[in-house]
Amino acid sequence: MPMLKIFVGTVYGGALDVAEQVKPLFEDAGYEVEIHDQPTLEDLTGSPTDLALFCVSTTGSGDYPGDFVPFARAIDERSPSLVDLRYGVIALGDSSYGETFCGGGRSVDELLSGQGAQRLGERLEVDAMDTPMADDEAIPWVEQWIDAEQLKVV
C-alpha cells in the first residue's frame, strides 16, 4: 500500500483539523496515511513517501506556525533532494492580512519546488474571511485532486 504523509503546520488547530478530515479520503483511495503535526525532516526523508500533502496555516506576519519552523528550516539548510516527491498544498490564511495571506503555504510550496519536488495540481488557498471552517473547502478540493491527478490506487 502506498504511503501518503500529511505534514501539518498549525496556529490554532485548523490545519490539523483539515488533515484529520481529509485522511479518510486518502485511505479510501488506497493509501496508508500518516499525519505529522510536528514534522521533522526525518519524517519526510527517513522512510518512503509516495505522496505528501502539506496543510499549513500562516501567522499574521505571513510566517510558518512555530511548530513548523524547524522542519522548514531543516529542508532549507540541508537541501535534501526531493526530486521523487509528489505533493499538494492546502494553505490556510486570512485575506485581511493583505500581502501575507497564505504566506506559510506559499513559502513551503516554493521551498519544496526549490528542492526538486513536483507539485500536483494547483495549491488550495483557504481564506478564513470567506470560509471559517477550512475543511468545507479542503474536502471537495482533495476529492477533486485525487480524481484529477489520478491518485486512486484501489
C-alpha atoms as a PDB file:
ATOM      1  CA  MET A   1       0.000   0.000   0.000  1.00  0.00           C
ATOM      2  CA  PRO A   2       1.485   3.400  -0.932  1.00  0.00           C
ATOM      3  CA  MET A   3       2.279   5.911   1.815  1.00  0.00           C
ATOM      4  CA  LEU A   4       0.740   9.374   1.994  1.00  0.00           C
ATOM      5  CA  LYS A   5       2.190  11.666   4.622  1.00  0.00           C
ATOM      6  CA  ILE A   6       0.335  14.779   5.695  1.00  0.00           C
ATOM      7  CA  PHE A   7       2.618  17.451   7.132  1.00  0.00           C
ATOM      8  CA  VAL A   8       0.852  19.983   9.321  1.00  0.00           C
ATOM      9  CA  GLY A   9       1.801  23.481  10.419  1.00  0.00           C
ATOM     10  CA  THR A  10      -0.946  24.932  12.559  1.00  0.00           C
ATOM     11  CA  VAL A  11      -1.506  28.007  14.692  1.00  0.00           C
ATOM     12  CA  TYR A  12      -4.855  27.287  16.369  1.00  0.00           C
ATOM     13  CA  GLY A  13      -5.513  23.728  15.190  1.00  0.00           C
ATOM     14  CA  GLY A  14      -7.348  24.443  11.931  1.00  0.00           C
ATOM     15  CA  ALA A  15      -4.709  22.849   9.695  1.00  0.00           C
ATOM     16  CA  LEU A  16      -4.609  19.738  11.889  1.00  0.00           C
ATOM     17  CA  ASP A  17      -8.398  19.532  11.684  1.00  0.00           C
ATOM     18  CA  VAL A  18      -8.160  19.679   7.877  1.00  0.00           C
ATOM     19  CA  ALA A  19      -5.570  16.878   7.903  1.00  0.00           C
ATOM     20  CA  GLU A  20      -7.780  14.686  10.079  1.00  0.00           C
ATOM     21  CA  GLN A  21     -10.850  15.400   7.920  1.00  0.00           C
ATOM     22  CA  VAL A  22      -9.148  14.512   4.606  1.00  0.00           C
ATOM     23  CA  LYS A  23      -7.278  11.443   5.898  1.00  0.00           C
ATOM     24  CA  PRO A  24     -10.224   9.052   5.233  1.00  0.00           C
ATOM     25  CA  LEU A  25     -10.462  10.273   1.631  1.00  0.00           C
ATOM     26  CA  PHE A  26      -6.906   9.106   1.004  1.00  0.00           C
ATOM     27  CA  GLU A  27      -7.472   5.848   2.878  1.00  0.00           C
ATOM     28  CA  ASP A  28     -10.491   5.190   0.644  1.00  0.00           C
ATOM     29  CA  ALA A  29      -8.239   5.895  -2.364  1.00  0.00           C
ATOM     30  CA  GLY A  30      -5.858   3.142  -1.238  1.00  0.00           C
ATOM     31  CA  TYR A  31      -3.198   4.922   0.831  1.00  0.00           C
ATOM     32  CA  GLU A  32      -1.709   4.264   4.205  1.00  0.00           C
ATOM     33  CA  VAL A  33      -1.808   7.716   5.837  1.00  0.00           C
ATOM     34  CA  GLU A  34       0.401   9.283   8.492  1.00  0.00           C
ATOM     35  CA  ILE A  35      -0.249  12.742   9.935  1.00  0.00           C
ATOM     36  CA  HIS A  36       2.799  14.614  11.219  1.00  0.00           C
ATOM     37  CA  ASP A  37       1.673  17.597  13.293  1.00  0.00           C
ATOM     38  CA  GLN A  38       5.195  18.468  14.477  1.00  0.00           C
ATOM     39  CA  PRO A  39       7.084  17.278  11.419  1.00  0.00           C
ATOM     40  CA  THR A  40      10.799  16.661  11.182  1.00  0.00           C
ATOM     41  CA  LEU A  41      12.989  16.231   8.123  1.00  0.00           C
ATOM     42  CA  GLU A  42      13.334  12.558   9.101  1.00  0.00           C
ATOM     43  CA  ASP A  43       9.535  12.212   8.774  1.00  0.00           C
ATOM     44  CA  LEU A  44       9.846  13.321   5.154  1.00  0.00           C
ATOM     45  CA  THR A  45      13.066  11.632   4.064  1.00  0.00           C
ATOM     46  CA  GLY A  46      13.592   8.770   6.538  1.00  0.00           C
ATOM     47  CA  SER A  47      11.095   6.364   5.003  1.00  0.00           C
ATOM     48  CA  PRO A  48       9.329   6.167   1.635  1.00  0.00           C
ATOM     49  CA  THR A  49       6.805   8.900   0.918  1.00  0.00           C
ATOM     50  CA  ASP A  50       4.785   8.120  -2.198  1.00  0.00           C
ATOM     51  CA  LEU A  51       2.704  11.274  -1.913  1.00  0.00           C
ATOM     52  CA  ALA A  52       2.701  14.210   0.503  1.00  0.00           C
ATOM     53  CA  LEU A  53       0.127  16.800   1.453  1.00  0.00           C
ATOM     54  CA  PHE A  54       1.131  19.952   3.298  1.00  0.00           C
ATOM     55  CA  CYS A  55      -1.610  21.603   5.377  1.00  0.00           C
ATOM     56  CA  VAL A  56      -0.075  24.856   6.521  1.00  0.00           C
ATOM     57  CA  SER A  57      -1.564  27.822   8.339  1.00  0.00           C
ATOM     58  CA  THR A  58       0.008  31.252   8.336  1.00  0.00           C
ATOM     59  CA  THR A  59       0.789  33.639  11.159  1.00  0.00           C
ATOM     60  CA  GLY A  60      -0.414  37.219  10.808  1.00  0.00           C
ATOM     61  CA  SER A  61       3.012  38.280   9.579  1.00  0.00           C
ATOM     62  CA  GLY A  62       2.942  35.612   6.847  1.00  0.00           C
ATOM     63  CA  ASP A  63       5.319  33.197   8.541  1.00  0.00           C
ATOM     64  CA  TYR A  64       5.145  29.492   9.267  1.00  0.00           C
ATOM     65  CA  PRO A  65       3.482  28.453  12.514  1.00  0.00           C
ATOM     66  CA  GLY A  66       6.042  27.899  15.272  1.00  0.00           C
ATOM     67  CA  ASP A  67       5.761  24.095  15.236  1.00  0.00           C
ATOM     68  CA  PHE A  68       6.555  24.026  11.507  1.00  0.00           C
ATOM     69  CA  VAL A  69       9.614  26.319  11.559  1.00  0.00           C
ATOM     70  CA  PRO A  70      12.256  23.685  12.489  1.00  0.00           C
ATOM     71  CA  PHE A  71      11.007  21.397   9.697  1.00  0.00           C
ATOM     72  CA  ALA A  72      11.109  24.121   7.043  1.00  0.00           C
ATOM     73  CA  ARG A  73      14.484  25.339   8.305  1.00  0.00           C
ATOM     74  CA  ALA A  74      15.909  21.796   8.073  1.00  0.00           C
ATOM     75  CA  ILE A  75      14.770  21.482   4.449  1.00  0.00           C
ATOM     76  CA  ASP A  76      16.262  24.869   3.635  1.00  0.00           C
ATOM     77  CA  GLU A  77      19.589  24.268   5.397  1.00  0.00           C
ATOM     78  CA  ARG A  78      20.174  20.617   4.460  1.00  0.00           C
ATOM     79  CA  SER A  79      18.842  20.886   0.907  1.00  0.00           C
ATOM     80  CA  PRO A  80      17.750  17.273   0.544  1.00  0.00           C
ATOM     81  CA  SER A  81      16.998  16.128  -2.985  1.00  0.00           C
ATOM     82  CA  LEU A  82      13.229  15.842  -3.238  1.00  0.00           C
ATOM     83  CA  VAL A  83      13.056  15.047  -6.967  1.00  0.00           C
ATOM     84  CA  ASP A  84      10.953  11.936  -6.289  1.00  0.00           C
ATOM     85  CA  LEU A  85       8.453  13.742  -4.072  1.00  0.00           C
ATOM     86  CA  ARG A  86       4.977  14.455  -5.445  1.00  0.00           C
ATOM     87  CA  TYR A  87       2.946  16.760  -3.254  1.00  0.00           C
ATOM     88  CA  GLY A  88      -0.022  19.046  -2.786  1.00  0.00           C
ATOM     89  CA  VAL A  89      -0.543  22.120  -0.619  1.00  0.00           C
ATOM     90  CA  ILE A  90      -3.525  23.335   1.356  1.00  0.00           C
ATOM     91  CA  ALA A  91      -2.679  26.832   2.592  1.00  0.00           C
ATOM     92  CA  LEU A  92      -4.792  28.454   5.295  1.00  0.00           C
ATOM     93  CA  GLY A  93      -4.803  32.189   5.784  1.00  0.00           C
ATOM     94  CA  ASP A  94      -6.793  35.339   6.306  1.00  0.00           C
ATOM     95  CA  SER A  95      -7.002  37.848   3.451  1.00  0.00           C
ATOM     96  CA  SER A  96      -7.432  40.721   5.891  1.00  0.00           C
ATOM     97  CA  TYR A  97      -3.649  40.484   6.399  1.00  0.00           C
ATOM     98  CA  GLY A  98      -3.102  41.578   2.789  1.00  0.00           C
ATOM     99  CA  GLU A  99       0.166  40.558   1.159  1.00  0.00           C
ATOM    100  CA  THR A 100       0.984  37.966   3.823  1.00  0.00           C
ATOM    101  CA  PHE A 101      -2.193  35.978   3.019  1.00  0.00           C
ATOM    102  CA  CYS A 102      -1.384  32.236   2.941  1.00  0.00           C
ATOM    103  CA  GLY A 103       2.315  33.051   3.284  1.00  0.00           C
ATOM    104  CA  GLY A 104       3.103  29.790   5.096  1.00  0.00           C
ATOM    105  CA  GLY A 105       1.595  27.604   2.369  1.00  0.00           C
ATOM    106  CA  ARG A 106       3.106  29.682  -0.411  1.00  0.00           C
ATOM    107  CA  SER A 107       6.537  29.513   1.238  1.00  0.00           C
ATOM    108  CA  VAL A 108       6.510  25.746   1.731  1.00  0.00           C
ATOM    109  CA  ASP A 109       5.417  25.325  -1.886  1.00  0.00           C
ATOM    110  CA  GLU A 110       8.378  27.415  -3.059  1.00  0.00           C
ATOM    111  CA  LEU A 111      10.743  25.613  -0.672  1.00  0.00           C
ATOM    112  CA  LEU A 112       9.724  22.160  -1.909  1.00  0.00           C
ATOM    113  CA  SER A 113       9.858  23.035  -5.599  1.00  0.00           C
ATOM    114  CA  GLY A 114      13.307  24.515  -4.994  1.00  0.00           C
ATOM    115  CA  GLN A 115      14.454  21.077  -3.841  1.00  0.00           C
ATOM    116  CA  GLY A 116      13.101  19.427  -6.989  1.00  0.00           C
ATOM    117  CA  ALA A 117       9.737  18.215  -5.649  1.00  0.00           C
ATOM    118  CA  GLN A 118       6.775  18.173  -8.039  1.00  0.00           C
ATOM    119  CA  ARG A 119       3.504  19.803  -7.011  1.00  0.00           C
ATOM    120  CA  LEU A 120       0.487  18.056  -8.451  1.00  0.00           C
ATOM    121  CA  GLY A 121      -2.299  20.427  -9.442  1.00  0.00           C
ATOM    122  CA  GLU A 122      -2.869  23.868  -8.015  1.00  0.00           C
ATOM    123  CA  ARG A 123      -2.361  24.943  -4.425  1.00  0.00           C
ATOM    124  CA  LEU A 124      -5.582  25.418  -2.441  1.00  0.00           C
ATOM    125  CA  GLU A 125      -5.685  28.715  -0.566  1.00  0.00           C
ATOM    126  CA  VAL A 126      -8.433  28.885   2.039  1.00  0.00           C
ATOM    127  CA  ASP A 127      -9.433  32.354   3.220  1.00  0.00           C
ATOM    128  CA  ALA A 128     -10.781  32.443   6.789  1.00  0.00           C
ATOM    129  CA  MET A 129     -12.693  35.613   5.860  1.00  0.00           C
ATOM    130  CA  ASP A 130     -14.821  33.559   3.432  1.00  0.00           C
ATOM    131  CA  THR A 131     -14.624  30.052   4.887  1.00  0.00           C
ATOM    132  CA  PRO A 132     -14.496  29.844   8.700  1.00  0.00           C
ATOM    133  CA  MET A 133     -14.252  26.030   8.589  1.00  0.00           C
ATOM    134  CA  ALA A 134     -11.348  25.258   6.245  1.00  0.00           C
ATOM    135  CA  ASP A 135     -12.423  21.651   5.738  1.00  0.00           C
ATOM    136  CA  ASP A 136     -15.521  22.968   3.911  1.00  0.00           C
ATOM    137  CA  GLU A 137     -13.165  23.843   1.041  1.00  0.00           C
ATOM    138  CA  ALA A 138     -10.464  21.252   1.681  1.00  0.00           C
ATOM    139  CA  ILE A 139     -12.632  18.125   1.435  1.00  0.00           C
ATOM    140  CA  PRO A 140     -14.051  18.857  -2.046  1.00  0.00           C
ATOM    141  CA  TRP A 141     -10.598  20.039  -3.194  1.00  0.00           C
ATOM    142  CA  VAL A 142      -8.986  16.768  -2.066  1.00  0.00           C
ATOM    143  CA  GLU A 143     -11.725  14.722  -3.750  1.00  0.00           C
ATOM    144  CA  GLN A 144     -11.146  16.631  -6.990  1.00  0.00           C
ATOM    145  CA  TRP A 145      -7.336  16.433  -6.574  1.00  0.00           C
ATOM    146  CA  ILE A 146      -7.427  12.646  -6.189  1.00  0.00           C
ATOM    147  CA  ASP A 147      -9.540  12.337  -9.348  1.00  0.00           C
ATOM    148  CA  ALA A 148      -7.766  14.969 -11.489  1.00  0.00           C
ATOM    149  CA  GLU A 149      -4.279  13.676 -10.662  1.00  0.00           C
ATOM    150  CA  GLN A 150      -5.369  10.014 -10.939  1.00  0.00           C
ATOM    151  CA  LEU A 151      -4.116   9.272  -7.440  1.00  0.00           C
ATOM    152  CA  LYS A 152      -6.552   6.475  -6.636  1.00  0.00           C
ATOM    153  CA  VAL A 153      -4.673   3.180  -6.250  1.00  0.00           C
ATOM    154  CA  VAL A 154      -7.527   0.787  -5.444  1.00  0.00           C
END
